[in-house]
């Protein structure tokens, strides 16, 4: 066997090791997402007071607010009107146009007035 044939055969031998299975790709993507996750925020008393004032204003005057909240390791934003605060279920109800969304109170990061 000459040098050229040996190199070609060698490449064929290792060709399968370069294969990337869909399961491997999915696992890598999942791992990248896991690394980006952040911890659930812990707010102090002053932050809760500020959120309470803004929530009350939105409830009373139907003002738009931007809600930044934590869910499963990531922060998300919604813009809408606070429709209800359910202390029993520990969540707020937000009206976003015709849609309704619920956010757990203990997942809130901040609420900001939009107007």
C-alpha atoms as a PDB file:
ATOM      1  CA  UNK A   1       0.000   0.000   0.000  1.00  0.00           C
ATOM      2  CA  UNK A   2       1.454   3.351  -0.996  1.00  0.00           C
ATOM      3  CA  UNK A   3       1.355   6.566   1.040  1.00  0.00           C
ATOM      4  CA  UNK A   4      -1.621   8.020  -0.884  1.00  0.00           C
ATOM      5  CA  UNK A   5      -3.778   4.924  -0.337  1.00  0.00           C
ATOM      6  CA  UNK A   6      -2.876   4.845   3.352  1.00  0.00           C
ATOM      7  CA  UNK A   7      -3.951   8.473   3.869  1.00  0.00           C
ATOM      8  CA  UNK A   8      -7.252   7.917   2.108  1.00  0.00           C
ATOM      9  CA  UNK A   9      -7.949   4.766   4.100  1.00  0.00           C
ATOM     10  CA  UNK A  10      -7.027   6.581   7.338  1.00  0.00           C
ATOM     11  CA  UNK A  11      -9.483   9.352   6.633  1.00  0.00           C
ATOM     12  CA  UNK A  12     -12.235   6.846   6.045  1.00  0.00           C
ATOM     13  CA  UNK A  13     -11.464   5.143   9.334  1.00  0.00           C
ATOM     14  CA  UNK A  14     -12.011   8.359  11.290  1.00  0.00           C
ATOM     15  CA  UNK A  15     -14.807   9.794   9.161  1.00  0.00           C
ATOM     16  CA  UNK A  16     -17.529   8.440  11.473  1.00  0.00           C
ATOM     17  CA  UNK A  17     -16.011  10.173  14.494  1.00  0.00           C
ATOM     18  CA  UNK A  18     -16.726  13.551  12.907  1.00  0.00           C
ATOM     19  CA  UNK A  19     -20.408  12.755  12.787  1.00  0.00           C
ATOM     20  CA  UNK A  20     -22.533  14.956  15.088  1.00  0.00           C
ATOM     21  CA  UNK A  21     -25.709  13.205  16.178  1.00  0.00           C
ATOM     22  CA  UNK A  22     -28.884  15.256  16.661  1.00  0.00           C
ATOM     23  CA  UNK A  23     -28.927  14.092  20.292  1.00  0.00           C
ATOM     24  CA  UNK A  24     -25.450  15.554  20.811  1.00  0.00           C
ATOM     25  CA  UNK A  25     -26.444  18.847  19.228  1.00  0.00           C
ATOM     26  CA  UNK A  26     -29.575  19.027  21.363  1.00  0.00           C
ATOM     27  CA  UNK A  27     -27.598  18.248  24.514  1.00  0.00           C
ATOM     28  CA  UNK A  28     -25.075  21.003  23.714  1.00  0.00           C
ATOM     29  CA  UNK A  29     -27.828  23.552  23.077  1.00  0.00           C
ATOM     30  CA  UNK A  30     -29.532  22.551  26.318  1.00  0.00           C
ATOM     31  CA  UNK A  31     -26.245  22.911  28.198  1.00  0.00           C
ATOM     32  CA  UNK A  32     -25.662  26.390  26.736  1.00  0.00           C
ATOM     33  CA  UNK A  33     -29.147  27.439  27.901  1.00  0.00           C
ATOM     34  CA  UNK A  34     -28.528  26.010  31.379  1.00  0.00           C
ATOM     35  CA  UNK A  35     -25.307  28.016  31.708  1.00  0.00           C
ATOM     36  CA  UNK A  36     -27.162  31.263  30.888  1.00  0.00           C
ATOM     37  CA  UNK A  37     -29.743  30.777  33.645  1.00  0.00           C
ATOM     38  CA  UNK A  38     -29.832  33.217  36.541  1.00  0.00           C
ATOM     39  CA  UNK A  39     -31.119  32.819  40.079  1.00  0.00           C
ATOM     40  CA  UNK A  40     -34.553  33.995  41.125  1.00  0.00           C
ATOM     41  CA  UNK A  41     -34.329  37.583  42.431  1.00  0.00           C
ATOM     42  CA  UNK A  42     -34.660  38.387  46.125  1.00  0.00           C
ATOM     43  CA  UNK A  43     -36.171  41.844  46.625  1.00  0.00           C
ATOM     44  CA  UNK A  44     -35.746  43.965  49.724  1.00  0.00           C
ATOM     45  CA  UNK A  45     -38.494  45.822  51.577  1.00  0.00           C
ATOM     46  CA  UNK A  46     -37.956  49.100  49.701  1.00  0.00           C
ATOM     47  CA  UNK A  47     -38.199  47.382  46.302  1.00  0.00           C
ATOM     48  CA  UNK A  48     -41.456  45.692  47.365  1.00  0.00           C
ATOM     49  CA  UNK A  49     -42.853  49.052  48.490  1.00  0.00           C
ATOM     50  CA  UNK A  50     -42.012  50.660  45.140  1.00  0.00           C
ATOM     51  CA  UNK A  51     -43.597  47.754  43.261  1.00  0.00           C
ATOM     52  CA  UNK A  52     -46.695  48.009  45.486  1.00  0.00           C
ATOM     53  CA  UNK A  53     -47.159  51.707  44.722  1.00  0.00           C
ATOM     54  CA  UNK A  54     -46.851  51.173  40.966  1.00  0.00           C
ATOM     55  CA  UNK A  55     -49.196  48.164  41.059  1.00  0.00           C
ATOM     56  CA  UNK A  56     -51.779  50.191  42.985  1.00  0.00           C
ATOM     57  CA  UNK A  57     -51.543  53.053  40.453  1.00  0.00           C
ATOM     58  CA  UNK A  58     -51.974  50.655  37.543  1.00  0.00           C
ATOM     59  CA  UNK A  59     -54.969  48.995  39.230  1.00  0.00           C
ATOM     60  CA  UNK A  60     -56.655  52.260  40.155  1.00  0.00           C
ATOM     61  CA  UNK A  61     -55.960  54.301  37.020  1.00  0.00           C
ATOM     62  CA  UNK A  62     -55.537  51.523  34.405  1.00  0.00           C
ATOM     63  CA  UNK A  63     -52.011  52.648  33.572  1.00  0.00           C
ATOM     64  CA  UNK A  64     -49.644  50.612  31.410  1.00  0.00           C
ATOM     65  CA  UNK A  65     -46.647  49.164  33.222  1.00  0.00           C
ATOM     66  CA  UNK A  66     -43.660  47.121  32.169  1.00  0.00           C
ATOM     67  CA  UNK A  67     -43.305  44.016  34.310  1.00  0.00           C
ATOM     68  CA  UNK A  68     -39.935  42.303  34.454  1.00  0.00           C
ATOM     69  CA  UNK A  69     -40.180  38.861  35.997  1.00  0.00           C
ATOM     70  CA  UNK A  70     -38.159  35.687  36.410  1.00  0.00           C
ATOM     71  CA  UNK A  71     -39.277  32.321  35.045  1.00  0.00           C
ATOM     72  CA  UNK A  72     -37.219  29.137  34.960  1.00  0.00           C
ATOM     73  CA  UNK A  73     -33.862  30.897  35.081  1.00  0.00           C
ATOM     74  CA  UNK A  74     -34.542  33.786  32.698  1.00  0.00           C
ATOM     75  CA  UNK A  75     -35.995  37.287  32.895  1.00  0.00           C
ATOM     76  CA  UNK A  76     -38.967  38.202  30.710  1.00  0.00           C
ATOM     77  CA  UNK A  77     -40.862  41.448  30.074  1.00  0.00           C
ATOM     78  CA  UNK A  78     -44.542  42.201  29.623  1.00  0.00           C
ATOM     79  CA  UNK A  79     -46.279  45.515  29.054  1.00  0.00           C
ATOM     80  CA  UNK A  80     -49.876  45.748  30.181  1.00  0.00           C
ATOM     81  CA  UNK A  81     -52.271  46.884  32.884  1.00  0.00           C
ATOM     82  CA  UNK A  82     -52.422  45.246  36.300  1.00  0.00           C
ATOM     83  CA  UNK A  83     -55.938  43.835  36.470  1.00  0.00           C
ATOM     84  CA  UNK A  84     -55.855  42.074  39.835  1.00  0.00           C
ATOM     85  CA  UNK A  85     -53.576  41.149  42.714  1.00  0.00           C
ATOM     86  CA  UNK A  86     -54.487  37.733  44.101  1.00  0.00           C
ATOM     87  CA  UNK A  87     -52.790  37.441  47.495  1.00  0.00           C
ATOM     88  CA  UNK A  88     -54.339  34.036  48.124  1.00  0.00           C
ATOM     89  CA  UNK A  89     -52.747  32.520  45.007  1.00  0.00           C
ATOM     90  CA  UNK A  90     -49.752  34.905  45.265  1.00  0.00           C
ATOM     91  CA  UNK A  91     -49.910  36.150  41.704  1.00  0.00           C
ATOM     92  CA  UNK A  92     -50.832  39.228  39.703  1.00  0.00           C
ATOM     93  CA  UNK A  93     -53.145  39.284  36.721  1.00  0.00           C
ATOM     94  CA  UNK A  94     -51.993  41.448  33.809  1.00  0.00           C
ATOM     95  CA  UNK A  95     -54.136  42.540  30.883  1.00  0.00           C
ATOM     96  CA  UNK A  96     -52.138  42.768  27.656  1.00  0.00           C
ATOM     97  CA  UNK A  97     -54.597  44.071  25.081  1.00  0.00           C
ATOM     98  CA  UNK A  98     -57.186  41.299  24.875  1.00  0.00           C
ATOM     99  CA  UNK A  99     -54.898  38.713  26.481  1.00  0.00           C
ATOM    100  CA  UNK A 100     -54.494  37.914  30.162  1.00  0.00           C
ATOM    101  CA  UNK A 101     -51.333  36.639  31.839  1.00  0.00           C
ATOM    102  CA  UNK A 102     -50.562  35.637  35.419  1.00  0.00           C
ATOM    103  CA  UNK A 103     -47.210  36.143  37.121  1.00  0.00           C
ATOM    104  CA  UNK A 104     -46.201  34.762  40.499  1.00  0.00           C
ATOM    105  CA  UNK A 105     -45.547  37.619  42.917  1.00  0.00           C
ATOM    106  CA  UNK A 106     -42.352  36.030  44.201  1.00  0.00           C
ATOM    107  CA  UNK A 107     -40.951  35.974  40.635  1.00  0.00           C
ATOM    108  CA  UNK A 108     -41.203  39.736  40.137  1.00  0.00           C
ATOM    109  CA  UNK A 109     -37.986  41.628  39.535  1.00  0.00           C
ATOM    110  CA  UNK A 110     -39.448  45.079  38.948  1.00  0.00           C
ATOM    111  CA  UNK A 111     -42.477  46.966  37.638  1.00  0.00           C
ATOM    112  CA  UNK A 112     -41.997  50.288  35.837  1.00  0.00           C
ATOM    113  CA  UNK A 113     -44.586  52.936  34.848  1.00  0.00           C
ATOM    114  CA  UNK A 114     -44.823  53.340  31.077  1.00  0.00           C
ATOM    115  CA  UNK A 115     -46.534  56.722  30.925  1.00  0.00           C
END
